[in-house]
Amino acid sequence: MKTIKDQHFEGERPLFGIHDVRLEHVTIGEGESAIKECSDIEAVDCHLWGKYPFWHVHGFSINRCQFDVGARSALWYSDHLTMSDTRIDAPKMFREMHHLRLENVVINDADETFWRCHDVEARNLELHDGTYPFMFCDNVKIDGLKSDSRYVFQYCHNVELTNAHIVTKDSFWECENIVIRDSVLDGEYLAWHTKNVRLVNCHLAGEQLLCYAEGLVLENCTFDARCDRVFEYSDVEADIRGHIENIKNPRSGHIVADSIGSVTLDEFIKGPANCEITLRNNL
């Protein structure tokens, strides 16, 4: 493998078409498409601020690197990436990619990040600011996600999260086959119009959560005191620990909680309208 070390590149396509190359302490300055149509690339301790640096790259690793704000849309149409200990300050990263492995990555402008990506695994991933990260993704597995971005996970399939802390609204809309364990989900309108969502040991906060859902399962979950109008028009099997303030018009299933503030079943309920709602130990 050839090594390029301690060099600065800028302009249009300065490293176009390189293969089997290690970049050490390289800077990518003003310009576009620095590392395009490449394969088998290692980037270590590099600093990038030019636009679109990694496009159509196949088989590469990025370690201890920094992407400044100018390095927007840096990773598109590429595959088989491993990334670790990297900071990203630019938006619109990771588009139309597959086979991604990330660890200890911080994205400070997650606007339109991870769109149409497939087969993504991550540990200790942070997303800040921006809208709609993880749109149209499938086969995503993350252990240790922290996110305050808006509208995370829309139109996704086959997502598994563990130890997540997500503060947002309208998250997990129109998703299918979702499993979330040992996590905090804080924000209104969680998981509307979903199929096969399973929440295990999670704490939920926000209004109008988990509505219009099919195959919804909650195991050993807790609710914040301000939650109301939960489960409206959903098919649900829920084991709730502690108190839930308000349940409204679930379609079917079974809900059990330690205490319930109120249940709203009105003329707008939808059939089969046979959800069984009980208190644990009938207390």
C-alpha atoms as a PDB file:
ATOM      1  CA  MET A   1       0.000   0.000   0.000  1.00  0.00           C
ATOM      2  CA  LYS A   2       1.361   3.404  -0.982  1.00  0.00           C
ATOM      3  CA  THR A   3       1.462   6.109   1.728  1.00  0.00           C
ATOM      4  CA  ILE A   4       0.857   9.822   1.179  1.00  0.00           C
ATOM      5  CA  LYS A   5       1.862  11.760   4.271  1.00  0.00           C
ATOM      6  CA  ASP A   6       1.929  15.382   5.464  1.00  0.00           C
ATOM      7  CA  GLN A   7       0.623  16.842   2.210  1.00  0.00           C
ATOM      8  CA  HIS A   8      -2.047  19.401   1.308  1.00  0.00           C
ATOM      9  CA  PHE A   9      -4.388  19.054  -1.664  1.00  0.00           C
ATOM     10  CA  GLU A  10      -6.975  21.395  -3.110  1.00  0.00           C
ATOM     11  CA  GLY A  11      -8.706  22.184  -6.381  1.00  0.00           C
ATOM     12  CA  GLU A  12     -10.757  19.834  -8.539  1.00  0.00           C
ATOM     13  CA  ARG A  13     -10.258  16.059  -8.067  1.00  0.00           C
ATOM     14  CA  PRO A  14      -6.650  16.106  -6.861  1.00  0.00           C
ATOM     15  CA  LEU A  15      -6.662  12.421  -5.859  1.00  0.00           C
ATOM     16  CA  PHE A  16      -9.145  11.098  -8.402  1.00  0.00           C
ATOM     17  CA  GLY A  17      -8.931   7.380  -9.112  1.00  0.00           C
ATOM     18  CA  ILE A  18      -6.302   6.383  -6.537  1.00  0.00           C
ATOM     19  CA  HIS A  19      -6.320   2.836  -5.201  1.00  0.00           C
ATOM     20  CA  ASP A  20      -4.634   1.032  -2.318  1.00  0.00           C
ATOM     21  CA  VAL A  21      -3.389   4.252  -0.689  1.00  0.00           C
ATOM     22  CA  ARG A  22      -2.922   5.325   2.935  1.00  0.00           C
ATOM     23  CA  LEU A  23      -3.361   9.035   3.679  1.00  0.00           C
ATOM     24  CA  GLU A  24      -1.643  10.232   6.873  1.00  0.00           C
ATOM     25  CA  HIS A  25      -1.858  13.804   8.176  1.00  0.00           C
ATOM     26  CA  VAL A  26      -3.237  14.913   4.822  1.00  0.00           C
ATOM     27  CA  THR A  27      -5.339  18.066   4.456  1.00  0.00           C
ATOM     28  CA  ILE A  28      -8.018  18.496   1.817  1.00  0.00           C
ATOM     29  CA  GLY A  29      -8.616  22.198   1.265  1.00  0.00           C
ATOM     30  CA  GLU A  30     -10.782  24.299  -1.046  1.00  0.00           C
ATOM     31  CA  GLY A  31     -12.111  22.470  -4.055  1.00  0.00           C
ATOM     32  CA  GLU A  32     -14.365  19.552  -4.902  1.00  0.00           C
ATOM     33  CA  SER A  33     -14.331  15.759  -5.190  1.00  0.00           C
ATOM     34  CA  ALA A  34     -10.823  15.239  -3.858  1.00  0.00           C
ATOM     35  CA  ILE A  35     -11.020  11.453  -3.420  1.00  0.00           C
ATOM     36  CA  LYS A  36     -13.439  10.180  -6.065  1.00  0.00           C
ATOM     37  CA  GLU A  37     -13.773   6.842  -7.890  1.00  0.00           C
ATOM     38  CA  CYS A  38     -11.266   5.244  -5.515  1.00  0.00           C
ATOM     39  CA  SER A  39     -10.911   1.991  -3.592  1.00  0.00           C
ATOM     40  CA  ASP A  40      -8.953   0.545  -0.671  1.00  0.00           C
ATOM     41  CA  ILE A  41      -8.215   3.886   0.972  1.00  0.00           C
ATOM     42  CA  GLU A  42      -7.056   4.515   4.553  1.00  0.00           C
ATOM     43  CA  ALA A  43      -7.357   8.053   5.931  1.00  0.00           C
ATOM     44  CA  VAL A  44      -5.714   8.620   9.320  1.00  0.00           C
ATOM     45  CA  ASP A  45      -5.407  11.928  11.188  1.00  0.00           C
ATOM     46  CA  CYS A  46      -6.634  13.866   8.178  1.00  0.00           C
ATOM     47  CA  HIS A  47      -8.388  17.252   8.096  1.00  0.00           C
ATOM     48  CA  LEU A  48     -10.920  18.031   5.385  1.00  0.00           C
ATOM     49  CA  TRP A  49     -12.783  21.228   4.508  1.00  0.00           C
ATOM     50  CA  GLY A  50     -13.296  20.991   0.745  1.00  0.00           C
ATOM     51  CA  LYS A  51     -16.627  19.828  -0.719  1.00  0.00           C
ATOM     52  CA  TYR A  52     -17.615  16.261  -1.601  1.00  0.00           C
ATOM     53  CA  PRO A  53     -14.296  14.537  -0.782  1.00  0.00           C
ATOM     54  CA  PHE A  54     -15.349  10.855  -0.709  1.00  0.00           C
ATOM     55  CA  TRP A  55     -17.682   9.934  -3.586  1.00  0.00           C
ATOM     56  CA  HIS A  56     -17.870   6.514  -5.245  1.00  0.00           C
ATOM     57  CA  VAL A  57     -15.242   5.058  -2.916  1.00  0.00           C
ATOM     58  CA  HIS A  58     -15.299   1.302  -2.336  1.00  0.00           C
ATOM     59  CA  GLY A  59     -13.580  -0.215   0.692  1.00  0.00           C
ATOM     60  CA  PHE A  60     -12.099   2.485   2.920  1.00  0.00           C
ATOM     61  CA  SER A  61     -11.410   3.483   6.504  1.00  0.00           C
ATOM     62  CA  ILE A  62     -11.439   6.899   8.168  1.00  0.00           C
ATOM     63  CA  ASN A  63      -9.814   7.159  11.598  1.00  0.00           C
ATOM     64  CA  ARG A  64      -9.163  10.165  13.842  1.00  0.00           C
ATOM     65  CA  CYS A  65     -10.185  12.598  11.124  1.00  0.00           C
ATOM     66  CA  GLN A  66     -12.043  15.912  11.141  1.00  0.00           C
ATOM     67  CA  PHE A  67     -14.560  17.165   8.593  1.00  0.00           C
ATOM     68  CA  ASP A  68     -15.090  20.918   8.849  1.00  0.00           C
ATOM     69  CA  VAL A  69     -18.303  22.708   7.852  1.00  0.00           C
ATOM     70  CA  GLY A  70     -17.135  23.153   4.282  1.00  0.00           C
ATOM     71  CA  ALA A  71     -16.767  19.402   3.744  1.00  0.00           C
ATOM     72  CA  ARG A  72     -20.496  19.025   3.172  1.00  0.00           C
ATOM     73  CA  SER A  73     -21.946  15.985   1.439  1.00  0.00           C
ATOM     74  CA  ALA A  74     -18.611  14.283   1.971  1.00  0.00           C
ATOM     75  CA  LEU A  75     -19.610  10.618   1.798  1.00  0.00           C
ATOM     76  CA  TRP A  76     -21.977   9.607  -1.002  1.00  0.00           C
ATOM     77  CA  TYR A  77     -22.464   6.554  -3.216  1.00  0.00           C
ATOM     78  CA  SER A  78     -19.766   4.611  -1.385  1.00  0.00           C
ATOM     79  CA  ASP A  79     -19.584   1.325   0.496  1.00  0.00           C
ATOM     80  CA  HIS A  80     -17.690  -0.809   2.979  1.00  0.00           C
ATOM     81  CA  LEU A  81     -16.577   2.030   5.220  1.00  0.00           C
ATOM     82  CA  THR A  82     -15.180   1.796   8.741  1.00  0.00           C
ATOM     83  CA  MET A  83     -14.954   5.077  10.661  1.00  0.00           C
ATOM     84  CA  SER A  84     -13.727   5.677  14.196  1.00  0.00           C
ATOM     85  CA  ASP A  85     -12.858   8.548  16.549  1.00  0.00           C
ATOM     86  CA  THR A  86     -13.947  11.132  14.005  1.00  0.00           C
ATOM     87  CA  ARG A  87     -15.658  14.528  14.257  1.00  0.00           C
ATOM     88  CA  ILE A  88     -17.981  15.802  11.549  1.00  0.00           C
ATOM     89  CA  ASP A  89     -19.193  19.417  11.524  1.00  0.00           C
ATOM     90  CA  ALA A  90     -20.692  19.337   8.020  1.00  0.00           C
ATOM     91  CA  PRO A  91     -24.244  18.390   6.947  1.00  0.00           C
ATOM     92  CA  LYS A  92     -25.627  15.863   4.469  1.00  0.00           C
ATOM     93  CA  MET A  93     -23.172  13.076   5.193  1.00  0.00           C
ATOM     94  CA  PHE A  94     -23.625   9.372   4.354  1.00  0.00           C
ATOM     95  CA  ARG A  95     -25.983   9.222   1.375  1.00  0.00           C
ATOM     96  CA  GLU A  96     -26.821   6.144  -0.693  1.00  0.00           C
ATOM     97  CA  MET A  97     -24.209   4.012   1.109  1.00  0.00           C
ATOM     98  CA  HIS A  98     -24.037   0.465   2.426  1.00  0.00           C
ATOM     99  CA  HIS A  99     -21.929  -1.631   4.797  1.00  0.00           C
ATOM    100  CA  LEU A 100     -20.968   1.082   7.262  1.00  0.00           C
ATOM    101  CA  ARG A 101     -19.240   0.458  10.597  1.00  0.00           C
ATOM    102  CA  LEU A 102     -18.812   3.456  12.912  1.00  0.00           C
ATOM    103  CA  GLU A 103     -17.447   3.859  16.431  1.00  0.00           C
ATOM    104  CA  ASN A 104     -16.957   6.998  18.527  1.00  0.00           C
ATOM    105  CA  VAL A 105     -18.250   9.380  15.859  1.00  0.00           C
ATOM    106  CA  VAL A 106     -19.727  12.816  16.603  1.00  0.00           C
ATOM    107  CA  ILE A 107     -21.803  14.601  13.960  1.00  0.00           C
ATOM    108  CA  ASN A 108     -22.494  18.206  14.930  1.00  0.00           C
ATOM    109  CA  ASP A 109     -24.766  19.041  11.992  1.00  0.00           C
ATOM    110  CA  ALA A 110     -26.803  15.941  11.264  1.00  0.00           C
ATOM    111  CA  ASP A 111     -29.020  17.622   8.684  1.00  0.00           C
ATOM    112  CA  GLU A 112     -30.101  15.061   6.079  1.00  0.00           C
ATOM    113  CA  THR A 113     -27.458  12.626   7.281  1.00  0.00           C
ATOM    114  CA  PHE A 114     -27.682   8.854   6.713  1.00  0.00           C
ATOM    115  CA  TRP A 115     -30.187   8.936   3.841  1.00  0.00           C
ATOM    116  CA  ARG A 116     -30.925   5.700   1.995  1.00  0.00           C
ATOM    117  CA  CYS A 117     -28.169   3.810   3.766  1.00  0.00           C
ATOM    118  CA  HIS A 118     -28.206   0.051   4.239  1.00  0.00           C
ATOM    119  CA  ASP A 119     -26.441  -2.274   6.654  1.00  0.00           C
ATOM    120  CA  VAL A 120     -25.242   0.255   9.224  1.00  0.00           C
ATOM    121  CA  GLU A 121     -23.651  -0.694  12.549  1.00  0.00           C
ATOM    122  CA  ALA A 122     -22.478   1.892  15.080  1.00  0.00           C
ATOM    123  CA  ARG A 123     -21.260   2.225  18.658  1.00  0.00           C
ATOM    124  CA  ASN A 124     -21.192   5.522  20.537  1.00  0.00           C
ATOM    125  CA  LEU A 125     -22.694   7.720  17.839  1.00  0.00           C
ATOM    126  CA  GLU A 126     -23.789  11.326  18.504  1.00  0.00           C
ATOM    127  CA  LEU A 127     -26.117  13.368  16.296  1.00  0.00           C
ATOM    128  CA  HIS A 128     -26.673  17.061  16.938  1.00  0.00           C
ATOM    129  CA  ASP A 129     -28.928  19.611  15.249  1.00  0.00           C
ATOM    130  CA  GLY A 130     -30.292  19.272  11.730  1.00  0.00           C
ATOM    131  CA  THR A 131     -33.362  17.472  10.437  1.00  0.00           C
ATOM    132  CA  TYR A 132     -34.277  14.014   9.172  1.00  0.00           C
ATOM    133  CA  PRO A 133     -31.193  11.903   9.910  1.00  0.00           C
ATOM    134  CA  PHE A 134     -31.719   8.237   9.037  1.00  0.00           C
ATOM    135  CA  MET A 135     -34.314   8.658   6.299  1.00  0.00           C
ATOM    136  CA  PHE A 136     -35.211   5.594   4.208  1.00  0.00           C
ATOM    137  CA  CYS A 137     -32.586   3.375   5.893  1.00  0.00           C
ATOM    138  CA  ASP A 138     -32.706  -0.339   6.566  1.00  0.00           C
ATOM    139  CA  ASN A 139     -30.743  -2.874   8.593  1.00  0.00           C
ATOM    140  CA  VAL A 140     -29.442  -0.418  11.176  1.00  0.00           C
ATOM    141  CA  LYS A 141     -27.963  -1.488  14.524  1.00  0.00           C
ATOM    142  CA  ILE A 142     -26.665   1.085  17.027  1.00  0.00           C
ATOM    143  CA  ASP A 143     -25.453   0.662  20.602  1.00  0.00           C
ATOM    144  CA  GLY A 144     -25.078   4.020  22.328  1.00  0.00           C
ATOM    145  CA  LEU A 145     -26.888   6.678  20.293  1.00  0.00           C
ATOM    146  CA  LYS A 146     -27.254  10.247  21.588  1.00  0.00           C
ATOM    147  CA  SER A 147     -29.363  12.506  19.404  1.00  0.00           C
ATOM    148  CA  ASP A 148     -31.031  15.899  19.650  1.00  0.00           C
ATOM    149  CA  SER A 149     -31.644  16.173  15.905  1.00  0.00           C
ATOM    150  CA  ARG A 150     -35.193  16.653  14.688  1.00  0.00           C
ATOM    151  CA  TYR A 151     -37.344  13.993  13.022  1.00  0.00           C
ATOM    152  CA  VAL A 152     -34.940  11.082  13.356  1.00  0.00           C
ATOM    153  CA  PHE A 153     -35.675   7.711  11.709  1.00  0.00           C
ATOM    154  CA  GLN A 154     -38.383   8.136   9.101  1.00  0.00           C
ATOM    155  CA  TYR A 155     -39.463   5.396   6.688  1.00  0.00           C
ATOM    156  CA  CYS A 156     -36.897   2.927   8.070  1.00  0.00           C
ATOM    157  CA  HIS A 157     -36.955  -0.868   8.195  1.00  0.00           C
ATOM    158  CA  ASN A 158     -35.161  -3.298  10.505  1.00  0.00           C
ATOM    159  CA  VAL A 159     -33.658  -0.981  13.105  1.00  0.00           C
ATOM    160  CA  GLU A 160     -32.234  -2.109  16.464  1.00  0.00           C
ATOM    161  CA  LEU A 161     -31.173   0.466  19.074  1.00  0.00           C
ATOM    162  CA  THR A 162     -29.693  -0.134  22.526  1.00  0.00           C
ATOM    163  CA  ASN A 163     -28.754   2.476  25.129  1.00  0.00           C
ATOM    164  CA  ALA A 164     -30.139   5.348  23.081  1.00  0.00           C
ATOM    165  CA  HIS A 165     -31.069   8.806  24.364  1.00  0.00           C
ATOM    166  CA  ILE A 166     -33.155  10.602  21.764  1.00  0.00           C
ATOM    167  CA  VAL A 167     -34.716  14.040  22.251  1.00  0.00           C
ATOM    168  CA  THR A 168     -36.809  14.996  19.239  1.00  0.00           C
ATOM    169  CA  LYS A 169     -40.330  14.889  17.786  1.00  0.00           C
ATOM    170  CA  ASP A 170     -41.994  12.925  15.009  1.00  0.00           C
ATOM    171  CA  SER A 171     -39.411  10.159  15.334  1.00  0.00           C
ATOM    172  CA  PHE A 172     -39.761   6.665  13.851  1.00  0.00           C
ATOM    173  CA  TRP A 173     -42.654   7.639  11.584  1.00  0.00           C
ATOM    174  CA  GLU A 174     -43.831   5.001   9.104  1.00  0.00           C
ATOM    175  CA  CYS A 175     -41.121   2.588  10.225  1.00  0.00           C
ATOM    176  CA  GLU A 176     -41.313  -1.189  10.276  1.00  0.00           C
ATOM    177  CA  ASN A 177     -39.571  -3.856  12.374  1.00  0.00           C
ATOM    178  CA  ILE A 178     -38.039  -1.656  15.063  1.00  0.00           C
ATOM    179  CA  VAL A 179     -36.561  -2.867  18.384  1.00  0.00           C
ATOM    180  CA  ILE A 180     -35.402  -0.349  21.002  1.00  0.00           C
ATOM    181  CA  ARG A 181     -33.956  -1.485  24.334  1.00  0.00           C
ATOM    182  CA  ASP A 182     -32.788   0.290  27.504  1.00  0.00           C
ATOM    183  CA  SER A 183     -33.375   3.735  26.050  1.00  0.00           C
ATOM    184  CA  VAL A 184     -34.941   7.149  26.639  1.00  0.00           C
ATOM    185  CA  LEU A 185     -37.223   8.511  23.916  1.00  0.00           C
ATOM    186  CA  ASP A 186     -38.303  12.092  24.610  1.00  0.00           C
ATOM    187  CA  GLY A 187     -40.538  13.912  22.143  1.00  0.00           C
ATOM    188  CA  GLU A 188     -44.050  14.206  20.777  1.00  0.00           C
ATOM    189  CA  TYR A 189     -45.666  11.938  18.189  1.00  0.00           C
ATOM    190  CA  LEU A 190     -43.382   8.948  18.607  1.00  0.00           C
ATOM    191  CA  ALA A 191     -43.729   6.080  16.116  1.00  0.00           C
ATOM    192  CA  TRP A 192     -46.936   6.995  14.331  1.00  0.00           C
ATOM    193  CA  HIS A 193     -48.080   4.799  11.422  1.00  0.00           C
ATOM    194  CA  THR A 194     -45.598   2.044  12.264  1.00  0.00           C
ATOM    195  CA  LYS A 195     -45.623  -1.739  12.047  1.00  0.00           C
ATOM    196  CA  ASN A 196     -43.940  -4.132  14.476  1.00  0.00           C
ATOM    197  CA  VAL A 197     -42.303  -1.764  16.929  1.00  0.00           C
ATOM    198  CA  ARG A 198     -41.004  -3.317  20.152  1.00  0.00           C
ATOM    199  CA  LEU A 199     -39.830  -1.210  23.105  1.00  0.00           C
ATOM    200  CA  VAL A 200     -38.055  -2.959  25.992  1.00  0.00           C
ATOM    201  CA  ASN A 201     -37.001  -1.265  29.253  1.00  0.00           C
ATOM    202  CA  CYS A 202     -37.551   2.182  27.782  1.00  0.00           C
ATOM    203  CA  HIS A 203     -38.631   5.497  29.313  1.00  0.00           C
ATOM    204  CA  LEU A 204     -40.977   7.564  27.160  1.00  0.00           C
ATOM    205  CA  ALA A 205     -41.820  11.258  27.348  1.00  0.00           C
ATOM    206  CA  GLY A 206     -43.986  13.546  25.227  1.00  0.00           C
ATOM    207  CA  GLU A 207     -47.563  13.889  24.029  1.00  0.00           C
ATOM    208  CA  GLN A 208     -49.575  11.694  21.670  1.00  0.00           C
ATOM    209  CA  LEU A 209     -47.092   8.838  21.608  1.00  0.00           C
ATOM    210  CA  LEU A 210     -47.435   5.566  19.709  1.00  0.00           C
ATOM    211  CA  CYS A 211     -50.538   6.266  17.640  1.00  0.00           C
ATOM    212  CA  TYR A 212     -51.781   4.498  14.482  1.00  0.00           C
ATOM    213  CA  ALA A 213     -49.396   1.612  15.185  1.00  0.00           C
ATOM    214  CA  GLU A 214     -49.796  -2.041  14.204  1.00  0.00           C
ATOM    215  CA  GLY A 215     -48.108  -4.822  16.145  1.00  0.00           C
ATOM    216  CA  LEU A 216     -46.865  -2.489  18.873  1.00  0.00           C
ATOM    217  CA  VAL A 217     -45.250  -4.149  21.925  1.00  0.00           C
ATOM    218  CA  LEU A 218     -43.997  -2.509  25.132  1.00  0.00           C
ATOM    219  CA  GLU A 219     -42.144  -4.546  27.741  1.00  0.00           C
ATOM    220  CA  ASN A 220     -41.295  -3.110  31.144  1.00  0.00           C
ATOM    221  CA  CYS A 221     -41.552   0.500  29.966  1.00  0.00           C
ATOM    222  CA  THR A 222     -42.220   3.711  31.913  1.00  0.00           C
ATOM    223  CA  PHE A 223     -43.929   6.966  30.961  1.00  0.00           C
ATOM    224  CA  ASP A 224     -43.244  10.551  31.932  1.00  0.00           C
ATOM    225  CA  ALA A 225     -46.036  12.277  33.871  1.00  0.00           C
ATOM    226  CA  ARG A 226     -46.843  14.642  30.989  1.00  0.00           C
ATOM    227  CA  CYS A 227     -47.668  11.874  28.502  1.00  0.00           C
ATOM    228  CA  ASP A 228     -51.262  11.905  27.313  1.00  0.00           C
ATOM    229  CA  ARG A 229     -53.392  10.603  24.423  1.00  0.00           C
ATOM    230  CA  VAL A 230     -51.158   7.559  24.172  1.00  0.00           C
ATOM    231  CA  PHE A 231     -51.933   4.571  21.880  1.00  0.00           C
ATOM    232  CA  GLU A 232     -54.674   6.295  19.867  1.00  0.00           C
ATOM    233  CA  TYR A 233     -55.865   3.920  17.111  1.00  0.00           C
ATOM    234  CA  SER A 234     -53.066   1.425  17.825  1.00  0.00           C
ATOM    235  CA  ASP A 235     -52.994  -2.356  18.123  1.00  0.00           C
ATOM    236  CA  VAL A 236     -50.886  -2.790  21.244  1.00  0.00           C
ATOM    237  CA  GLU A 237     -49.582  -5.215  23.840  1.00  0.00           C
ATOM    238  CA  ALA A 238     -48.121  -3.080  26.639  1.00  0.00           C
ATOM    239  CA  ASP A 239     -46.611  -3.863  30.055  1.00  0.00           C
ATOM    240  CA  ILE A 240     -46.244  -0.439  31.699  1.00  0.00           C
ATOM    241  CA  ARG A 241     -44.378  -0.039  34.969  1.00  0.00           C
ATOM    242  CA  GLY A 242     -45.586   2.748  37.177  1.00  0.00           C
ATOM    243  CA  HIS A 243     -48.108   5.380  36.090  1.00  0.00           C
ATOM    244  CA  ILE A 244     -49.448   6.435  32.719  1.00  0.00           C
ATOM    245  CA  GLU A 245     -51.506   9.611  32.703  1.00  0.00           C
ATOM    246  CA  ASN A 246     -53.879   9.066  29.773  1.00  0.00           C
ATOM    247  CA  ILE A 247     -54.703   6.314  27.299  1.00  0.00           C
ATOM    248  CA  LYS A 248     -56.904   7.220  24.351  1.00  0.00           C
ATOM    249  CA  ASN A 249     -58.884   5.006  21.979  1.00  0.00           C
ATOM    250  CA  PRO A 250     -56.575   2.025  21.396  1.00  0.00           C
ATOM    251  CA  ARG A 251     -58.020  -0.290  18.734  1.00  0.00           C
ATOM    252  CA  SER A 252     -57.081  -3.685  20.156  1.00  0.00           C
ATOM    253  CA  GLY A 253     -54.716  -5.620  22.395  1.00  0.00           C
ATOM    254  CA  HIS A 254     -53.969  -5.500  26.096  1.00  0.00           C
ATOM    255  CA  ILE A 255     -52.516  -2.735  28.270  1.00  0.00           C
ATOM    256  CA  VAL A 256     -51.517  -3.256  31.895  1.00  0.00           C
ATOM    257  CA  ALA A 257     -50.078  -0.571  34.196  1.00  0.00           C
ATOM    258  CA  ASP A 258     -49.553  -0.010  37.904  1.00  0.00           C
ATOM    259  CA  SER A 259     -51.771   3.075  37.776  1.00  0.00           C
ATOM    260  CA  ILE A 260     -53.679   4.981  35.102  1.00  0.00           C
ATOM    261  CA  GLY A 261     -54.778   8.585  35.355  1.00  0.00           C
ATOM    262  CA  SER A 262     -57.601   8.323  32.817  1.00  0.00           C
ATOM    263  CA  VAL A 263     -58.797   6.333  29.851  1.00  0.00           C
ATOM    264  CA  THR A 264     -60.601   8.025  26.959  1.00  0.00           C
ATOM    265  CA  LEU A 265     -62.913   5.762  24.960  1.00  0.00           C
ATOM    266  CA  ASP A 266     -65.255   7.910  22.892  1.00  0.00           C
ATOM    267  CA  GLU A 267     -67.382   7.787  19.764  1.00  0.00           C
ATOM    268  CA  PHE A 268     -64.311   8.202  17.560  1.00  0.00           C
ATOM    269  CA  ILE A 269     -62.718   4.899  18.558  1.00  0.00           C
ATOM    270  CA  LYS A 270     -62.010   2.552  15.656  1.00  0.00           C
ATOM    271  CA  GLY A 271     -62.842  -1.119  15.452  1.00  0.00           C
ATOM    272  CA  PRO A 272     -62.467  -3.718  16.694  1.00  0.00           C
ATOM    273  CA  ALA A 273     -62.365  -1.483  19.802  1.00  0.00           C
ATOM    274  CA  ASN A 274     -61.665  -4.422  22.102  1.00  0.00           C
ATOM    275  CA  CYS A 275     -58.411  -3.458  23.824  1.00  0.00           C
ATOM    276  CA  GLU A 276     -58.323  -4.745  27.397  1.00  0.00           C
ATOM    277  CA  ILE A 277     -56.977  -2.135  29.817  1.00  0.00           C
ATOM    278  CA  THR A 278     -56.190  -3.334  33.352  1.00  0.00           C
ATOM    279  CA  LEU A 279     -54.317  -2.385  36.495  1.00  0.00           C
ATOM    280  CA  ARG A 280     -51.604  -4.738  37.677  1.00  0.00           C
ATOM    281  CA  ASN A 281     -52.849  -6.849  40.591  1.00  0.00           C
ATOM    282  CA  ASN A 282     -56.233  -5.115  40.171  1.00  0.00           C
ATOM    283  CA  LEU A 283     -55.170  -2.392  42.580  1.00  0.00           C
END
